Protein backbone atom coordinates (compact mmCIF):
# COMPACT_ATOMS: atom_id res chain seq x y z
CA UNK A 1 0.00 0.00 0.00
CA UNK A 2 2.81 2.39 0.74
CA UNK A 3 4.30 1.91 -2.70
CA UNK A 4 0.95 2.49 -4.42
CA UNK A 5 0.30 5.71 -2.43
CA UNK A 6 3.68 7.11 -3.37
CA UNK A 7 3.12 6.28 -7.03
CA UNK A 8 -0.26 8.03 -7.04
CA UNK A 9 1.26 11.17 -5.44
CA UNK A 10 3.92 11.35 -8.13
CA UNK A 11 1.35 10.92 -10.90
CA UNK A 12 -0.98 13.58 -9.39
CA UNK A 13 1.88 16.06 -9.04
CA UNK A 14 2.94 15.47 -12.64
CA UNK A 15 -0.56 16.08 -13.94
CA UNK A 16 -1.58 18.93 -11.55
CA UNK A 17 1.43 21.24 -12.14
CA UNK A 18 1.11 21.45 -15.95
CA UNK A 19 -2.66 21.78 -15.67
CA UNK A 20 -2.32 24.68 -13.19
CA UNK A 21 0.13 26.49 -15.44
CA UNK A 22 -2.21 26.18 -18.44
CA UNK A 23 -5.26 27.45 -16.50
CA UNK A 24 -3.26 30.38 -14.97
CA UNK A 25 -2.01 31.46 -18.38
CA UNK A 26 -5.52 31.70 -19.83
CA UNK A 27 -6.98 33.42 -16.73
CA UNK A 28 -4.30 36.06 -16.01
CA UNK A 29 -2.29 36.53 -19.17
CA UNK A 30 -4.34 35.56 -22.20
CA UNK A 31 -7.57 37.35 -21.26
CA UNK A 32 -6.70 40.89 -19.86
CA UNK A 33 -9.38 42.96 -18.06
CA UNK A 34 -11.06 45.47 -20.37
CA UNK A 35 -11.11 48.33 -17.78
CA UNK A 36 -7.29 48.54 -17.56
CA UNK A 37 -5.69 51.13 -19.90
CA UNK A 38 -2.11 51.98 -20.70
CA UNK A 39 -0.83 54.99 -18.65
CA UNK A 40 -0.33 58.23 -20.54
CA UNK A 41 3.15 59.82 -20.50
CA UNK A 42 3.54 63.59 -20.99
CA UNK A 43 6.68 65.76 -21.10
CA UNK A 44 7.27 68.14 -18.14
CA UNK A 45 6.88 71.31 -20.17
CA UNK A 46 3.20 70.46 -20.81
CA UNK A 47 2.40 70.58 -17.06
CA UNK A 48 1.28 73.83 -15.48
CA UNK A 49 2.77 75.22 -12.27
CA UNK A 50 0.09 73.82 -9.96
CA UNK A 51 0.42 70.33 -11.40
CA UNK A 52 4.18 70.39 -10.96
CA UNK A 53 3.86 71.57 -7.36
CA UNK A 54 1.40 68.74 -6.69
CA UNK A 55 3.90 66.24 -8.03
CA UNK A 56 6.96 67.82 -6.36
CA UNK A 57 5.83 70.28 -3.67
CA UNK A 58 9.39 71.02 -2.49
CA UNK A 59 11.00 71.77 -5.84
CA UNK A 60 14.00 74.05 -5.18
CA UNK A 61 14.25 77.32 -7.04
CA UNK A 62 17.33 76.28 -9.00
CA UNK A 63 15.12 73.62 -10.72
CA UNK A 64 12.20 75.91 -11.57
CA UNK A 65 14.26 79.01 -12.42
CA UNK A 66 17.51 78.60 -14.38
CA UNK A 67 18.84 81.96 -13.17
CA UNK A 68 19.08 80.59 -9.58
CA UNK A 69 22.28 78.69 -8.73
CA UNK A 70 22.42 75.48 -6.74
CA UNK A 71 24.18 75.79 -3.36
CA UNK A 72 24.06 72.33 -1.79
CA UNK A 73 27.61 72.82 -0.51
CA UNK A 74 26.50 75.86 1.46
CA UNK A 75 23.61 73.98 3.05
CA UNK A 76 25.99 71.20 4.11
CA UNK A 77 28.27 73.82 5.61
CA UNK A 78 25.35 75.34 7.52
CA UNK A 79 24.31 71.94 8.91
CA UNK A 80 27.79 71.15 10.15
CA UNK A 81 28.53 74.62 11.53
CA UNK A 82 25.09 75.53 12.88
CA UNK A 83 25.79 74.68 16.55
CA UNK A 84 28.84 76.94 16.47
CA UNK A 85 27.11 79.64 14.42
CA UNK A 86 24.18 79.61 16.84
CA UNK A 87 26.49 80.21 19.78
CA UNK A 88 28.49 82.90 17.97
CA UNK A 89 25.39 84.76 16.77
CA UNK A 90 23.79 84.65 20.22
CA UNK A 91 26.99 85.97 21.82
CA UNK A 92 27.05 88.79 19.29
CA UNK A 93 23.41 89.60 20.05
CA UNK A 94 24.13 89.68 23.78
CA UNK A 95 27.18 91.94 23.42
CA UNK A 96 25.35 94.30 21.04
CA UNK A 97 22.22 94.47 23.18
CA UNK A 98 23.99 94.97 26.50
CA UNK A 99 24.85 98.69 26.00
CA UNK A 100 21.35 99.32 24.62
CA UNK A 101 19.77 97.70 27.67
CA UNK A 102 22.11 99.70 29.90
CA UNK A 103 20.57 102.95 28.67
CA UNK A 104 17.19 101.96 30.11
CA UNK A 105 18.32 100.38 33.37
CA UNK A 106 17.88 102.88 36.17
CA UNK A 107 15.18 104.88 34.39
CA UNK A 108 11.43 104.28 34.40
CA UNK A 109 11.95 102.14 37.54
CA UNK A 110 13.65 99.43 35.48
CA UNK A 111 15.91 97.32 37.69
CA UNK A 112 17.28 94.98 35.04
CA UNK A 113 16.80 94.04 31.39
CA UNK A 114 18.42 90.80 30.26
CA UNK A 115 18.00 87.64 28.21
CA UNK A 116 16.78 84.66 30.20
CA UNK A 117 17.12 82.34 27.21
CA UNK A 118 18.69 83.05 23.85
CA UNK A 119 19.06 80.31 21.26
CA UNK A 120 18.30 80.05 17.57
CA UNK A 121 17.42 76.39 17.99
CA UNK A 122 18.78 73.20 16.50
CA UNK A 123 17.39 73.53 12.98
CA UNK A 124 19.54 75.54 10.53
CA UNK A 125 18.07 77.58 7.66
CA UNK A 126 18.04 76.06 4.17
CA UNK A 127 19.08 77.97 1.07
CA UNK A 128 17.01 76.86 -1.93
CA UNK A 129 18.96 78.85 -4.47
CA UNK A 130 21.03 81.98 -5.03
CA UNK A 131 20.60 84.51 -7.83
CA UNK A 132 23.65 86.59 -8.73
CA UNK A 133 23.44 90.10 -10.18
CA UNK A 134 26.37 92.09 -11.54
CA UNK A 135 26.00 95.88 -11.52
CA UNK A 136 27.90 98.64 -13.26
CA UNK A 137 29.22 99.94 -9.91
CA UNK A 138 31.70 97.11 -9.25
CA UNK A 139 29.18 95.43 -6.96
CA UNK A 140 28.10 91.82 -6.71
CA UNK A 141 24.52 91.39 -5.48
CA UNK A 142 23.49 87.98 -4.14
CA UNK A 143 19.77 87.24 -3.81
CA UNK A 144 19.33 84.06 -1.73
CA UNK A 145 16.04 82.23 -1.24
CA UNK A 146 16.07 81.11 2.40
CA UNK A 147 13.57 78.93 4.22
CA UNK A 148 13.83 78.44 7.94
CA UNK A 149 11.36 76.41 9.95
CA UNK A 150 13.44 76.87 13.07
CA UNK A 151 12.81 76.34 16.74
CA UNK A 152 14.40 79.40 18.39
CA UNK A 153 13.96 80.07 22.09
CA UNK A 154 14.32 83.76 22.98
CA UNK A 155 13.01 85.08 26.28
CA UNK A 156 13.69 88.64 27.47
CA UNK A 157 13.14 89.43 31.15
CA UNK A 158 12.21 92.92 32.33
CA UNK A 159 12.57 93.54 36.08
CA UNK A 160 10.34 96.48 36.90
CA UNK A 161 10.12 97.42 40.59
CA UNK A 162 9.06 94.14 42.21
CA UNK A 163 7.67 92.66 39.00
CA UNK A 164 9.40 90.24 36.67
CA UNK A 165 8.01 90.40 33.15
CA UNK A 166 8.90 87.85 30.48
CA UNK A 167 8.72 89.18 26.92
CA UNK A 168 8.51 86.57 24.19
CA UNK A 169 5.54 87.32 21.91
CA UNK A 170 6.83 90.82 21.04
CA UNK A 171 10.20 89.39 20.07
CA UNK A 172 8.52 86.80 17.86
CA UNK A 173 6.63 89.52 15.98
CA UNK A 174 9.75 91.64 15.55
CA UNK A 175 11.69 88.68 14.14
CA UNK A 176 8.80 87.92 11.80
CA UNK A 177 9.05 91.47 10.46
CA UNK A 178 12.59 90.70 9.29
CA UNK A 179 11.12 88.40 6.63
CA UNK A 180 9.44 91.34 4.86
CA UNK A 181 10.93 92.13 1.45
CA UNK A 182 13.31 93.69 0.73
CA UNK A 183 16.06 93.00 3.24
CA UNK A 184 19.64 93.96 2.35
CA UNK A 185 22.86 92.63 3.86
CA UNK A 186 26.05 94.35 2.70
CA UNK A 187 29.22 92.26 3.04
CA UNK A 188 32.55 94.06 2.45
CA UNK A 189 34.97 92.01 0.38
CA UNK A 190 38.10 94.17 0.69
CA UNK A 191 39.75 94.65 4.08
CA UNK A 192 39.13 97.99 5.69
CA UNK A 193 36.63 100.76 5.02
CA UNK A 194 38.42 102.00 1.90
CA UNK A 195 37.25 99.04 -0.14
CA UNK A 196 33.93 98.63 1.62
CA UNK A 197 32.68 102.21 1.68
CA UNK A 198 31.56 103.93 -1.47
CA UNK A 199 33.45 106.93 -2.71
CA UNK A 200 31.91 110.25 -1.61
CA UNK A 201 29.90 111.94 -4.33
CA UNK A 202 28.96 115.22 -2.64
CA UNK A 203 28.39 117.29 0.48
CA UNK A 204 25.01 117.95 2.07
CA UNK A 205 24.67 121.32 3.79
CA UNK A 206 22.08 121.21 6.55
CA UNK A 207 20.86 124.28 8.40
CA UNK A 208 18.63 123.52 11.37
CA UNK A 209 16.50 126.64 11.61
CA UNK A 210 13.86 126.20 14.29
CA UNK A 211 11.09 124.03 15.74
CA UNK A 212 7.51 124.85 16.69
CA UNK A 213 5.01 123.43 19.20
CA UNK A 214 7.18 120.65 20.60
CA UNK A 215 5.86 118.24 23.22
CA UNK A 216 5.99 119.14 26.91
CA UNK A 217 8.20 116.61 28.67
CA UNK A 218 9.34 118.39 31.87
CA UNK A 219 7.32 118.79 35.04
CA UNK A 220 7.15 122.56 34.52
CA UNK A 221 5.45 122.12 31.13
CA UNK A 222 8.50 122.74 28.95
CA UNK A 223 11.27 120.81 27.22
CA UNK A 224 15.01 121.20 26.61
CA UNK A 225 15.24 120.25 22.93
CA UNK A 226 18.19 119.53 20.68
CA UNK A 227 18.46 117.88 17.24
CA UNK A 228 20.59 114.94 16.09
CA UNK A 229 21.18 114.57 12.35
CA UNK A 230 22.86 111.87 10.29
CA UNK A 231 22.70 110.13 6.92
CA UNK A 232 21.40 106.58 6.59
CA UNK A 233 24.02 103.91 6.06
CA UNK A 234 26.75 105.87 7.84
CA UNK A 235 28.63 104.58 10.89
CA UNK A 236 29.96 108.03 11.81
CA UNK A 237 28.63 109.65 15.02
CA UNK A 238 25.55 111.79 14.47
CA UNK A 239 25.97 115.55 14.56
CA UNK A 240 23.90 117.52 17.07
CA UNK A 241 22.78 121.06 17.74
CA UNK A 242 23.02 122.93 21.02
CA UNK A 243 20.40 122.48 23.72
CA UNK A 244 17.71 125.15 24.08
CA UNK A 245 16.60 125.14 27.69
CA UNK A 246 12.92 125.51 28.64
CA UNK A 247 11.73 126.18 25.12
CA UNK A 248 8.94 124.59 23.07
CA UNK A 249 9.66 126.88 20.08
CA UNK A 250 13.46 126.85 19.87
CA UNK A 251 15.54 128.63 17.23
CA UNK A 252 18.95 127.21 16.36
CA UNK A 253 20.10 128.53 12.94
CA UNK A 254 23.05 126.11 13.11
CA UNK A 255 24.73 124.66 10.01
CA UNK A 256 26.30 121.25 9.42
CA UNK A 257 28.01 119.42 6.55
CA UNK A 258 27.49 115.72 5.86
CA UNK A 259 29.29 113.53 3.33
CA UNK A 260 26.99 111.87 0.76
CA UNK A 261 27.86 108.42 -0.60
CA UNK A 262 24.70 107.53 -2.55
CA UNK A 263 22.36 110.31 -3.62
CA UNK A 264 19.63 107.92 -4.78
CA UNK A 265 19.28 105.74 -1.69
CA UNK A 266 20.43 107.78 1.32
CA UNK A 267 18.08 109.84 3.47
CA UNK A 268 18.68 112.54 6.06
CA UNK A 269 17.54 111.40 9.51
CA UNK A 270 16.52 114.11 12.01
CA UNK A 271 15.75 113.21 15.63
CA UNK A 272 14.60 115.75 18.24
CA UNK A 273 15.37 114.92 21.90
CA UNK A 274 14.58 116.41 25.26
CA UNK A 275 17.85 116.83 27.14
CA UNK A 276 18.03 115.38 30.64
CA UNK A 277 20.78 115.93 33.18
CA UNK A 278 20.33 112.41 34.55
CA UNK A 279 19.10 109.31 32.77
CA UNK A 280 18.20 108.85 29.12
CA UNK A 281 17.03 111.68 26.89
CA UNK A 282 13.39 111.47 25.86
CA UNK A 283 12.50 111.40 22.16
CA UNK A 284 10.29 114.28 21.07
CA UNK A 285 9.95 113.21 17.45
CA UNK A 286 11.75 112.44 14.22
CA UNK A 287 11.50 112.72 10.46
CA UNK A 288 13.49 111.75 7.35
CA UNK A 289 14.18 113.57 4.08
CA UNK A 290 15.22 111.57 0.96
CA UNK A 291 18.20 113.21 -0.72
CA UNK A 292 16.48 112.88 -4.09
CA UNK A 293 14.20 115.76 -3.03
CA UNK A 294 17.13 118.17 -2.73
CA UNK A 295 18.35 120.30 -5.63
CA UNK A 296 22.03 120.78 -6.38
CA UNK A 297 23.53 124.08 -5.18
CA UNK A 298 20.08 125.58 -4.52
CA UNK A 299 19.03 125.81 -0.84
CA UNK A 300 15.55 124.48 -0.18
CA UNK A 301 13.53 124.84 3.00
CA UNK A 302 11.52 121.96 4.45
CA UNK A 303 8.85 122.11 7.16
CA UNK A 304 8.66 118.64 8.64
CA UNK A 305 5.85 117.27 10.79
CA UNK A 306 7.50 115.26 13.54
CA UNK A 307 6.39 111.66 14.17
CA UNK A 308 7.34 109.05 16.74
CA UNK A 309 8.78 106.59 14.22
CA UNK A 310 8.61 105.58 10.55
CA UNK A 311 5.93 102.95 11.07
CA UNK A 312 2.88 104.34 9.27
CA UNK A 313 0.56 101.98 11.13
CA UNK A 314 1.68 103.10 14.58
CA UNK A 315 -1.26 104.93 16.25
CA UNK A 316 1.21 107.11 18.18
CA UNK A 317 2.11 108.85 14.91
CA UNK A 318 -1.35 110.45 14.82
CA UNK A 319 -0.48 112.54 17.85
CA UNK A 320 0.85 116.04 16.97
CA UNK A 321 4.50 116.37 17.95
CA UNK A 322 5.38 119.74 16.46
CA UNK A 323 7.29 120.82 13.39
CA UNK A 324 10.95 121.17 12.47
CA UNK A 325 12.20 123.64 9.85
CA UNK A 326 15.46 122.93 8.01
CA UNK A 327 17.28 124.28 4.95
CA UNK A 328 19.08 121.76 2.75
CA UNK A 329 21.38 122.05 -0.24
CA UNK A 330 23.49 119.47 -2.05
CA UNK A 331 26.89 120.20 -3.58
CA UNK A 332 28.29 117.39 -5.78
CA UNK A 333 32.02 116.84 -5.90
CA UNK A 334 33.77 117.58 -9.14
CA UNK A 335 34.79 114.51 -11.08
CA UNK A 336 38.08 116.05 -12.14
CA UNK A 337 39.49 117.80 -9.10
CA UNK A 338 43.03 116.52 -9.40
CA UNK A 339 44.23 119.98 -10.41
CA UNK A 340 43.30 123.32 -8.95
CA UNK A 341 44.61 125.48 -11.76
CA UNK A 342 46.65 123.46 -14.19
CA UNK A 343 49.69 121.26 -13.61
CA UNK A 344 52.60 122.19 -11.41
CA UNK A 345 55.77 123.11 -13.21
CA UNK A 346 59.07 122.02 -11.77
CA UNK A 347 62.33 123.70 -12.78
CA UNK A 348 65.83 122.95 -11.68
CA UNK A 349 67.63 125.99 -10.31
CA UNK A 350 70.93 126.81 -12.03
CA UNK A 351 72.56 127.73 -8.73
CA UNK A 352 71.58 124.55 -6.86
CA UNK A 353 70.14 121.09 -7.34
CA UNK A 354 67.01 121.86 -5.30
CA UNK A 355 63.68 122.09 -7.08
CA UNK A 356 61.59 125.25 -7.19
CA UNK A 357 57.85 124.69 -7.49
CA UNK A 358 55.89 127.40 -9.26
CA UNK A 359 52.42 127.77 -7.76
CA UNK A 360 49.42 129.19 -9.56
CA UNK A 361 48.81 132.86 -8.99
CA UNK A 362 46.93 134.32 -6.04
CA UNK A 363 43.77 134.74 -8.08
CA UNK A 364 43.54 131.01 -8.57
CA UNK A 365 44.04 130.50 -4.82
CA UNK A 366 41.22 132.89 -4.05
CA UNK A 367 38.91 130.85 -6.27
CA UNK A 368 39.28 127.78 -4.05
CA UNK A 369 35.93 126.26 -3.25
CA UNK A 370 34.68 124.10 -0.41
CA UNK A 371 35.44 120.45 -0.58
CA UNK A 372 36.22 117.16 1.10
CA UNK A 373 39.62 116.18 2.50
CA UNK A 374 40.05 112.38 2.49
CA UNK A 375 42.91 111.03 4.58
CA UNK A 376 43.77 107.32 4.31
CA UNK A 377 46.35 105.95 6.75
CA UNK A 378 47.55 102.82 4.99
CA UNK A 379 50.11 101.55 7.48
CA UNK A 380 53.55 101.95 9.00
CA UNK A 381 56.91 100.18 8.88
CA UNK A 382 59.73 99.66 11.38
CA UNK A 383 58.02 101.40 14.29
CA UNK A 384 59.27 100.33 17.70
CA UNK A 385 58.38 101.36 21.23
CA UNK A 386 60.59 101.30 24.31
CA UNK A 387 57.99 99.59 26.53
CA UNK A 388 55.44 98.06 24.14
CA UNK A 389 54.66 98.05 20.40
CA UNK A 390 50.90 97.98 19.87
CA UNK A 391 50.63 100.71 17.26
CA UNK A 392 47.68 102.83 16.21
CA UNK A 393 47.61 106.15 14.32
CA UNK A 394 46.16 109.53 15.22
CA UNK A 395 45.04 112.04 12.58
CA UNK A 396 45.12 115.58 14.01
CA UNK A 397 43.61 118.44 12.00
CA UNK A 398 41.99 121.72 13.04
CA UNK A 399 41.67 120.62 16.64
CA UNK A 400 39.92 117.39 15.63
CA UNK A 401 41.40 113.99 16.47
CA UNK A 402 40.60 110.73 14.72
CA UNK A 403 42.06 107.34 15.52
CA UNK A 404 42.68 104.05 13.72
CA UNK A 405 42.33 100.60 15.21
CA UNK A 406 45.09 99.18 17.41
CA UNK A 407 47.23 96.33 16.08
CA UNK A 408 48.88 94.21 18.76
CA UNK A 409 52.57 93.30 18.86
CA UNK A 410 53.79 94.33 15.43
CA UNK A 411 56.32 96.76 14.00
CA UNK A 412 54.62 96.84 10.60
CA UNK A 413 50.93 97.58 11.22
CA UNK A 414 48.41 97.74 8.38
CA UNK A 415 45.38 99.97 9.07
CA UNK A 416 43.97 100.99 5.68
CA UNK A 417 41.45 103.36 7.30
CA UNK A 418 39.95 106.50 5.78
CA UNK A 419 38.93 109.69 7.56
CA UNK A 420 36.95 112.61 6.15
CA UNK A 421 36.99 116.34 6.83
CA UNK A 422 34.38 118.58 5.23
CA UNK A 423 35.91 122.05 4.70
CA UNK A 424 34.41 125.36 3.66
CA UNK A 425 37.59 126.34 1.82
CA UNK A 426 40.75 124.70 0.55
CA UNK A 427 43.45 124.15 3.24
CA UNK A 428 46.18 125.92 1.29
CA UNK A 429 48.28 127.07 4.25
CA UNK A 430 47.56 124.30 6.72
CA UNK A 431 49.22 121.12 7.91
CA UNK A 432 47.87 117.81 9.08
CA UNK A 433 49.68 115.67 11.65
CA UNK A 434 49.87 111.89 11.50
CA UNK A 435 51.14 110.47 14.79
CA UNK A 436 51.82 106.80 15.49
CA UNK A 437 51.12 105.78 19.08
CA UNK A 438 51.34 102.60 21.14
CA UNK A 439 49.09 101.60 24.02
CA UNK A 440 49.61 98.86 26.56
CA UNK A 441 47.41 95.77 26.37
CA UNK A 442 48.69 94.21 29.59
CA UNK A 443 49.77 95.58 32.95
CA UNK A 444 52.48 98.19 32.47
CA UNK A 445 53.35 101.49 34.14
CA UNK A 446 53.70 103.22 30.77
CA UNK A 447 50.14 103.37 29.40
CA UNK A 448 50.90 105.20 26.13
CA UNK A 449 53.97 106.24 24.21
CA UNK A 450 54.66 107.98 20.91
CA UNK A 451 56.36 106.05 18.12
CA UNK A 452 56.86 109.13 15.92
CA UNK A 453 54.94 111.73 13.97
CA UNK A 454 54.96 113.71 10.73
CA UNK A 455 53.43 117.05 9.71
CA UNK A 456 52.20 117.11 6.11
CA UNK A 457 51.73 120.37 4.22
CA UNK A 458 48.36 120.29 2.47
CA UNK A 459 49.17 122.83 -0.25
CA UNK A 460 50.57 120.06 -2.48
CA UNK A 461 47.39 118.07 -1.93
CA UNK A 462 45.18 121.00 -2.96
CA UNK A 463 47.13 121.79 -6.14
CA UNK A 464 47.82 118.20 -7.21
CA UNK A 465 44.50 116.74 -6.11
CA UNK A 466 46.12 113.89 -4.15
CA UNK A 467 49.35 112.49 -2.73
CA UNK A 468 50.29 108.88 -1.95
CA UNK A 469 53.63 108.69 -0.19
CA UNK A 470 55.63 107.20 2.66
CA UNK A 471 56.92 109.71 5.22
CA UNK A 472 59.76 109.25 7.69
CA UNK A 473 58.53 109.66 11.25
CA UNK A 474 60.10 112.31 13.45
CA UNK A 475 61.46 111.00 16.78
CA UNK A 476 61.69 107.51 15.33
CA UNK A 477 64.85 105.65 14.37
CA UNK A 478 63.68 104.00 11.12
CA UNK A 479 59.90 104.26 11.20
CA UNK A 480 57.87 105.41 8.21
CA UNK A 481 54.12 105.91 7.74
CA UNK A 482 52.20 105.40 4.48
CA UNK A 483 49.53 108.06 3.92
CA UNK A 484 47.21 108.87 1.01
CA UNK A 485 45.41 112.23 0.99
CA UNK A 486 42.87 113.42 -1.58
CA UNK A 487 41.16 116.76 -2.03
CA UNK A 488 37.73 116.71 -3.73
CA UNK A 489 36.21 120.10 -4.58
CA UNK A 490 32.50 120.84 -4.81
């Protein structure tokens, strides 16, 4: 029986397998269902934008727009460096905000103002593409498309009397405002302000005339107003008028000169403050004037309605804050100011080898106009101090002192810093002093010492338009200083 059962199993398997294959072929391969159709294939250019976004919702810009460049390498760099960038950016925010917070501590019953938590989170931003524009002004404009679904944690604590107020929602709204277009970030490529700052194109003459119906800020129903004025985009300290005590209708009639770098984009910013002997000065109002509204060489008066800030939606701007009257005129610099009255002629004297320089006549000197004196301290060589050598340079002119950065432990410092002096007339009979100093960076009884100086006659600068030379320093063994000076007339 066992043999017969085994034989039947073998026969059944031999018949069943071929029969199953034949039946499966006719059921699943030979007779296809009629409701199944071949899929349609279409090229990508026939799809509209919405269809493409449905297929690939996260298509980067460099795919959809050929003028955007792919920057995967930059995203990888951001991912690797984000923990360190987060810490560095937060430290920069803390150091920048600390002096601002210090202005408010002690006033308005504020005991302390500090960050309780400050972190940009663990998720870095992603750059989906970068568009590059080349301008005719030797500028390279990068337009990145950035997406950031971050998880920052920023909490600001305000200690007011016995209260402790945590501010987080206001900060979130302010950060959200940074995403409004357009936002510009200027990155200098060359070292020093000479390469980063645009060349001056003119001088703005500002005459602060008077103000009317200012706000009452003092207990006696008056204010002590003064005006601060500056140009947008400038890092120079703002100029300011004198203080008019106990006066809501002050008259100043004070004039100022500001250096213009970009006539099309810069604006004049005017801020009126109430002077206080102790504490911070209260803001009475402000206003801005685009330089495009000012005519060249022709003074124009403006009557400005003061507002609290430039936010048009701020309800505080509906409150009257008085008016400010100013007179403005713009004086462009001449493109060709390298000569005052023709070239200088040099002749060798027959009696000696010294050169005699023939200057233009007095009439040409009397025709000197106002202008801009640009002093660039490039660097120094072989300067050495007796106690320390941490050199920096001082530029001394007409009682005004300007200073370069300090370079530690070097005899050959490189500063490459430019300083500007707006003058009403050409400095024909004046000198400018360049003095190299050293200041201690560690404990030392000698805090400062001079490494040498030089007095430069500016008459050559006025007649030639510019000089670019190295000068031997007085009271220095081998030290020299490299200075470039230009005179630009209006």
